[in-house]
Amino acid sequence: MKRINTPLTKREIERLNVGKEVLLSGVIYTARDQAHKRLVEAINKGKKTPIDLKGQVIYYCGPTRAPRGKIIGSSGPTTSSRMDEFTPALLKAGLVAMIGKGGRSPEVAKAIKKYKTVYFLTYAGCGALLSKYIKNAKPIVYKDLGPEAIYKLEVRDFPLIVGIDTKGRSIYD
């Protein structure tokens, strides 16, 4: 396993080949369908996004409410293809990595290759386990969306697999 830290550099992610297992530490942001829609609407209107996307990692996750004494509730990935229509615009705006589950469209794979970004997979059905790698969590944007708000997460050794690398190679091919 390779250990990597945010912020991720282009040079660092270009060294990650499809199928590589990594442990990610640092700051990442959650965002699901509605948050993606709002981010892209801001981009399309020429407005500044509420979080600077340059160099960031988005985790396709809507965490559940934190049980008493816990930092966060279950925090498993959602199906990534639901964000496909928004992904090219976010990559163009500077997003460098995404975390989710499942395959991506050919258009997203082409955008990943074009912008030299990376798509990570994490373990589906293991939201309670994955929450143990989250050391801090705070909703920061679009709080009206509840669990679909954008959360700032601090993670340590979050387990990932490179699903699509900067060359556009997919683990699903």
C-alpha atoms as a PDB file:
ATOM      1  CA  MET A   1       0.000   0.000   0.000  1.00  0.00           C
ATOM      2  CA  LYS A   2       1.125   3.483  -0.802  1.00  0.00           C
ATOM      3  CA  ARG A   3       0.465   6.291   1.671  1.00  0.00           C
ATOM      4  CA  ILE A   4      -0.495   9.669   0.191  1.00  0.00           C
ATOM      5  CA  ASN A   5      -1.548  12.965   1.746  1.00  0.00           C
ATOM      6  CA  THR A   6      -3.710  15.856   0.651  1.00  0.00           C
ATOM      7  CA  PRO A   7      -3.306  18.216  -0.988  1.00  0.00           C
ATOM      8  CA  LEU A   8      -2.496  15.851  -3.842  1.00  0.00           C
ATOM      9  CA  THR A   9      -0.080  17.081  -6.470  1.00  0.00           C
ATOM     10  CA  LYS A  10      -0.356  16.300 -10.179  1.00  0.00           C
ATOM     11  CA  ARG A  11       3.065  14.684 -10.046  1.00  0.00           C
ATOM     12  CA  GLU A  12       1.978  12.403  -7.208  1.00  0.00           C
ATOM     13  CA  ILE A  13      -1.263  11.236  -8.817  1.00  0.00           C
ATOM     14  CA  GLU A  14       0.437  10.658 -12.176  1.00  0.00           C
ATOM     15  CA  ARG A  15       2.459   7.934 -10.418  1.00  0.00           C
ATOM     16  CA  LEU A  16      -0.693   6.069  -9.350  1.00  0.00           C
ATOM     17  CA  ASN A  17      -1.585   3.245 -11.707  1.00  0.00           C
ATOM     18  CA  VAL A  18      -4.966   1.590 -12.014  1.00  0.00           C
ATOM     19  CA  GLY A  19      -5.455  -1.079  -9.334  1.00  0.00           C
ATOM     20  CA  LYS A  20      -2.930   0.464  -6.914  1.00  0.00           C
ATOM     21  CA  GLU A  21      -4.019   0.353  -3.273  1.00  0.00           C
ATOM     22  CA  VAL A  22      -3.473   3.555  -1.312  1.00  0.00           C
ATOM     23  CA  LEU A  23      -4.085   4.966   2.146  1.00  0.00           C
ATOM     24  CA  LEU A  24      -5.129   8.625   2.009  1.00  0.00           C
ATOM     25  CA  SER A  25      -4.665  11.102   4.852  1.00  0.00           C
ATOM     26  CA  GLY A  26      -5.611  14.775   5.054  1.00  0.00           C
ATOM     27  CA  VAL A  27      -8.633  16.883   4.121  1.00  0.00           C
ATOM     28  CA  ILE A  28     -11.303  15.712   1.682  1.00  0.00           C
ATOM     29  CA  TYR A  29     -14.828  16.980   0.980  1.00  0.00           C
ATOM     30  CA  THR A  30     -18.077  15.070   0.629  1.00  0.00           C
ATOM     31  CA  ALA A  31     -20.512  15.938  -2.147  1.00  0.00           C
ATOM     32  CA  ARG A  32     -23.409  14.125  -3.722  1.00  0.00           C
ATOM     33  CA  ASP A  33     -25.896  14.842  -6.503  1.00  0.00           C
ATOM     34  CA  GLN A  34     -27.493  18.070  -5.309  1.00  0.00           C
ATOM     35  CA  ALA A  35     -24.227  19.619  -4.132  1.00  0.00           C
ATOM     36  CA  HIS A  36     -22.659  18.758  -7.503  1.00  0.00           C
ATOM     37  CA  LYS A  37     -25.566  20.391  -9.288  1.00  0.00           C
ATOM     38  CA  ARG A  38     -25.120  23.599  -7.264  1.00  0.00           C
ATOM     39  CA  LEU A  39     -21.356  23.668  -7.780  1.00  0.00           C
ATOM     40  CA  VAL A  40     -21.737  23.304 -11.553  1.00  0.00           C
ATOM     41  CA  GLU A  41     -24.508  25.929 -11.645  1.00  0.00           C
ATOM     42  CA  ALA A  42     -22.103  28.371  -9.974  1.00  0.00           C
ATOM     43  CA  ILE A  43     -19.365  27.503 -12.484  1.00  0.00           C
ATOM     44  CA  ASN A  44     -21.749  27.893 -15.432  1.00  0.00           C
ATOM     45  CA  LYS A  45     -22.830  31.324 -14.162  1.00  0.00           C
ATOM     46  CA  GLY A  46     -19.198  32.419 -13.845  1.00  0.00           C
ATOM     47  CA  LYS A  47     -19.458  32.606 -10.063  1.00  0.00           C
ATOM     48  CA  LYS A  48     -16.908  31.461  -7.546  1.00  0.00           C
ATOM     49  CA  THR A  49     -17.698  28.070  -6.001  1.00  0.00           C
ATOM     50  CA  PRO A  50     -18.179  28.064  -2.203  1.00  0.00           C
ATOM     51  CA  ILE A  51     -15.150  25.797  -1.840  1.00  0.00           C
ATOM     52  CA  ASP A  52     -12.012  26.196  -3.916  1.00  0.00           C
ATOM     53  CA  LEU A  53     -11.939  23.057  -6.057  1.00  0.00           C
ATOM     54  CA  LYS A  54      -8.302  23.422  -7.111  1.00  0.00           C
ATOM     55  CA  GLY A  55      -6.326  20.474  -5.835  1.00  0.00           C
ATOM     56  CA  GLN A  56      -9.255  19.035  -3.868  1.00  0.00           C
ATOM     57  CA  VAL A  57     -10.626  15.525  -3.406  1.00  0.00           C
ATOM     58  CA  ILE A  58     -14.387  14.913  -3.387  1.00  0.00           C
ATOM     59  CA  TYR A  59     -15.842  11.824  -1.720  1.00  0.00           C
ATOM     60  CA  TYR A  60     -19.249  10.788  -3.055  1.00  0.00           C
ATOM     61  CA  CYS A  61     -20.783  10.291   0.355  1.00  0.00           C
ATOM     62  CA  GLY A  62     -23.727  11.465   2.422  1.00  0.00           C
ATOM     63  CA  PRO A  63     -22.822  10.545   5.987  1.00  0.00           C
ATOM     64  CA  THR A  64     -25.463   9.554   8.497  1.00  0.00           C
ATOM     65  CA  ARG A  65     -25.955  11.385  11.780  1.00  0.00           C
ATOM     66  CA  ALA A  66     -23.179  10.790  14.279  1.00  0.00           C
ATOM     67  CA  PRO A  67     -24.123   8.464  17.128  1.00  0.00           C
ATOM     68  CA  ARG A  68     -23.455   9.787  20.623  1.00  0.00           C
ATOM     69  CA  GLY A  69     -19.734   9.927  21.266  1.00  0.00           C
ATOM     70  CA  LYS A  70     -18.778   9.509  17.598  1.00  0.00           C
ATOM     71  CA  ILE A  71     -17.381  12.031  15.111  1.00  0.00           C
ATOM     72  CA  ILE A  72     -19.594  10.897  12.241  1.00  0.00           C
ATOM     73  CA  GLY A  73     -22.090   8.205  11.360  1.00  0.00           C
ATOM     74  CA  SER A  74     -21.868   5.638   8.606  1.00  0.00           C
ATOM     75  CA  SER A  75     -19.852   7.110   5.731  1.00  0.00           C
ATOM     76  CA  GLY A  76     -19.908   4.765   2.785  1.00  0.00           C
ATOM     77  CA  PRO A  77     -19.574   5.710  -0.876  1.00  0.00           C
ATOM     78  CA  THR A  78     -22.515   6.337  -3.164  1.00  0.00           C
ATOM     79  CA  THR A  79     -22.727   5.258  -6.802  1.00  0.00           C
ATOM     80  CA  SER A  80     -20.336   7.496  -8.713  1.00  0.00           C
ATOM     81  CA  SER A  81     -22.116   7.396 -12.074  1.00  0.00           C
ATOM     82  CA  ARG A  82     -24.824   9.632 -10.580  1.00  0.00           C
ATOM     83  CA  MET A  83     -22.258  12.461 -10.633  1.00  0.00           C
ATOM     84  CA  ASP A  84     -21.046  11.803 -14.190  1.00  0.00           C
ATOM     85  CA  GLU A  85     -22.969  14.670 -15.816  1.00  0.00           C
ATOM     86  CA  PHE A  86     -21.261  17.152 -13.459  1.00  0.00           C
ATOM     87  CA  THR A  87     -17.766  15.669 -13.302  1.00  0.00           C
ATOM     88  CA  PRO A  88     -16.086  17.158 -16.426  1.00  0.00           C
ATOM     89  CA  ALA A  89     -16.934  20.718 -15.320  1.00  0.00           C
ATOM     90  CA  LEU A  90     -15.545  20.093 -11.822  1.00  0.00           C
ATOM     91  CA  LEU A  91     -12.341  18.560 -13.194  1.00  0.00           C
ATOM     92  CA  LYS A  92     -11.906  21.549 -15.488  1.00  0.00           C
ATOM     93  CA  ALA A  93     -12.338  23.796 -12.415  1.00  0.00           C
ATOM     94  CA  GLY A  94      -9.385  22.078 -10.720  1.00  0.00           C
ATOM     95  CA  LEU A  95     -10.714  19.027  -8.843  1.00  0.00           C
ATOM     96  CA  VAL A  96      -7.892  16.441  -8.807  1.00  0.00           C
ATOM     97  CA  ALA A  97      -9.527  13.325  -7.362  1.00  0.00           C
ATOM     98  CA  MET A  98     -12.851  11.661  -6.655  1.00  0.00           C
ATOM     99  CA  ILE A  99     -13.756   8.775  -4.363  1.00  0.00           C
ATOM    100  CA  GLY A 100     -16.785   6.566  -4.891  1.00  0.00           C
ATOM    101  CA  LYS A 101     -17.970   3.173  -6.026  1.00  0.00           C
ATOM    102  CA  GLY A 102     -18.726   1.686  -9.410  1.00  0.00           C
ATOM    103  CA  GLY A 103     -17.775   2.451 -12.985  1.00  0.00           C
ATOM    104  CA  ARG A 104     -17.766   5.795 -14.772  1.00  0.00           C
ATOM    105  CA  SER A 105     -19.007   6.829 -18.195  1.00  0.00           C
ATOM    106  CA  PRO A 106     -16.643   6.995 -21.196  1.00  0.00           C
ATOM    107  CA  GLU A 107     -16.990  10.808 -21.081  1.00  0.00           C
ATOM    108  CA  VAL A 108     -15.768  10.919 -17.470  1.00  0.00           C
ATOM    109  CA  ALA A 109     -12.880   8.557 -18.251  1.00  0.00           C
ATOM    110  CA  LYS A 110     -11.862  10.884 -21.114  1.00  0.00           C
ATOM    111  CA  ALA A 111     -12.089  13.930 -18.807  1.00  0.00           C
ATOM    112  CA  ILE A 112      -9.986  12.171 -16.157  1.00  0.00           C
ATOM    113  CA  LYS A 113      -7.315  11.524 -18.796  1.00  0.00           C
ATOM    114  CA  LYS A 114      -7.590  15.051 -20.262  1.00  0.00           C
ATOM    115  CA  TYR A 115      -7.194  16.809 -16.895  1.00  0.00           C
ATOM    116  CA  LYS A 116      -4.789  14.187 -15.493  1.00  0.00           C
ATOM    117  CA  THR A 117      -6.884  13.464 -12.431  1.00  0.00           C
ATOM    118  CA  VAL A 118      -7.715  10.219 -10.648  1.00  0.00           C
ATOM    119  CA  TYR A 119     -10.815   8.295  -9.593  1.00  0.00           C
ATOM    120  CA  PHE A 120     -10.514   6.216  -6.447  1.00  0.00           C
ATOM    121  CA  LEU A 121     -12.760   3.394  -5.320  1.00  0.00           C
ATOM    122  CA  THR A 122     -13.464   2.551  -1.721  1.00  0.00           C
ATOM    123  CA  TYR A 123     -15.300  -0.314  -0.118  1.00  0.00           C
ATOM    124  CA  ALA A 124     -19.051  -0.425  -0.693  1.00  0.00           C
ATOM    125  CA  GLY A 125     -21.271  -1.686   2.105  1.00  0.00           C
ATOM    126  CA  CYS A 126     -18.692  -0.759   4.739  1.00  0.00           C
ATOM    127  CA  GLY A 127     -19.861   2.722   5.792  1.00  0.00           C
ATOM    128  CA  ALA A 128     -19.553   2.033   9.519  1.00  0.00           C
ATOM    129  CA  LEU A 129     -16.028   0.700   9.054  1.00  0.00           C
ATOM    130  CA  LEU A 130     -14.986   3.616   6.811  1.00  0.00           C
ATOM    131  CA  SER A 131     -16.208   6.117   9.404  1.00  0.00           C
ATOM    132  CA  LYS A 132     -13.393   4.937  11.685  1.00  0.00           C
ATOM    133  CA  TYR A 133     -10.845   6.520   9.315  1.00  0.00           C
ATOM    134  CA  ILE A 134     -12.542   9.916   9.665  1.00  0.00           C
ATOM    135  CA  LYS A 135     -10.935  11.932  12.438  1.00  0.00           C
ATOM    136  CA  ASN A 136     -12.958  15.154  12.101  1.00  0.00           C
ATOM    137  CA  ALA A 137     -16.136  16.076  10.224  1.00  0.00           C
ATOM    138  CA  LYS A 138     -17.975  19.349   9.778  1.00  0.00           C
ATOM    139  CA  PRO A 139     -20.728  20.402   7.361  1.00  0.00           C
ATOM    140  CA  ILE A 140     -19.492  23.582   5.695  1.00  0.00           C
ATOM    141  CA  VAL A 141     -21.590  24.354   2.589  1.00  0.00           C
ATOM    142  CA  TYR A 142     -25.192  23.778   1.473  1.00  0.00           C
ATOM    143  CA  LYS A 143     -26.240  22.792   4.983  1.00  0.00           C
ATOM    144  CA  ASP A 144     -29.880  22.895   3.867  1.00  0.00           C
ATOM    145  CA  LEU A 145     -29.201  19.611   2.031  1.00  0.00           C
ATOM    146  CA  GLY A 146     -28.798  17.732   5.330  1.00  0.00           C
ATOM    147  CA  PRO A 147     -26.615  14.652   4.799  1.00  0.00           C
ATOM    148  CA  GLU A 148     -25.998  15.820   1.219  1.00  0.00           C
ATOM    149  CA  ALA A 149     -24.348  19.027   2.453  1.00  0.00           C
ATOM    150  CA  ILE A 150     -20.675  19.395   1.675  1.00  0.00           C
ATOM    151  CA  TYR A 151     -18.699  18.180   4.675  1.00  0.00           C
ATOM    152  CA  LYS A 152     -15.042  18.851   5.324  1.00  0.00           C
ATOM    153  CA  LEU A 153     -13.503  15.605   6.527  1.00  0.00           C
ATOM    154  CA  GLU A 154     -10.099  14.958   7.998  1.00  0.00           C
ATOM    155  CA  VAL A 155      -9.135  11.372   7.242  1.00  0.00           C
ATOM    156  CA  ARG A 156      -6.233   9.160   8.262  1.00  0.00           C
ATOM    157  CA  ASP A 157      -5.209   6.108   6.221  1.00  0.00           C
ATOM    158  CA  PHE A 158      -8.525   6.056   4.343  1.00  0.00           C
ATOM    159  CA  PRO A 159      -8.381   2.878   2.182  1.00  0.00           C
ATOM    160  CA  LEU A 160      -8.656   3.389  -1.582  1.00  0.00           C
ATOM    161  CA  ILE A 161      -7.998   1.636  -4.880  1.00  0.00           C
ATOM    162  CA  VAL A 162      -7.157   3.539  -8.071  1.00  0.00           C
ATOM    163  CA  GLY A 163     -10.208   2.913 -10.267  1.00  0.00           C
ATOM    164  CA  ILE A 164      -9.227   5.171 -13.190  1.00  0.00           C
ATOM    165  CA  ASP A 165      -5.729   6.558 -13.465  1.00  0.00           C
ATOM    166  CA  THR A 166      -4.431   9.721 -15.166  1.00  0.00           C
ATOM    167  CA  LYS A 167      -3.907   7.791 -18.390  1.00  0.00           C
ATOM    168  CA  GLY A 168      -7.620   6.914 -18.511  1.00  0.00           C
ATOM    169  CA  ARG A 169      -7.112   3.233 -17.727  1.00  0.00           C
ATOM    170  CA  SER A 170     -10.033   1.746 -15.819  1.00  0.00           C
ATOM    171  CA  ILE A 171     -10.082  -1.162 -13.402  1.00  0.00           C
ATOM    172  CA  TYR A 172     -13.385  -2.127 -15.056  1.00  0.00           C
ATOM    173  CA  ASP A 173     -11.783  -2.633 -18.499  1.00  0.00           C
END
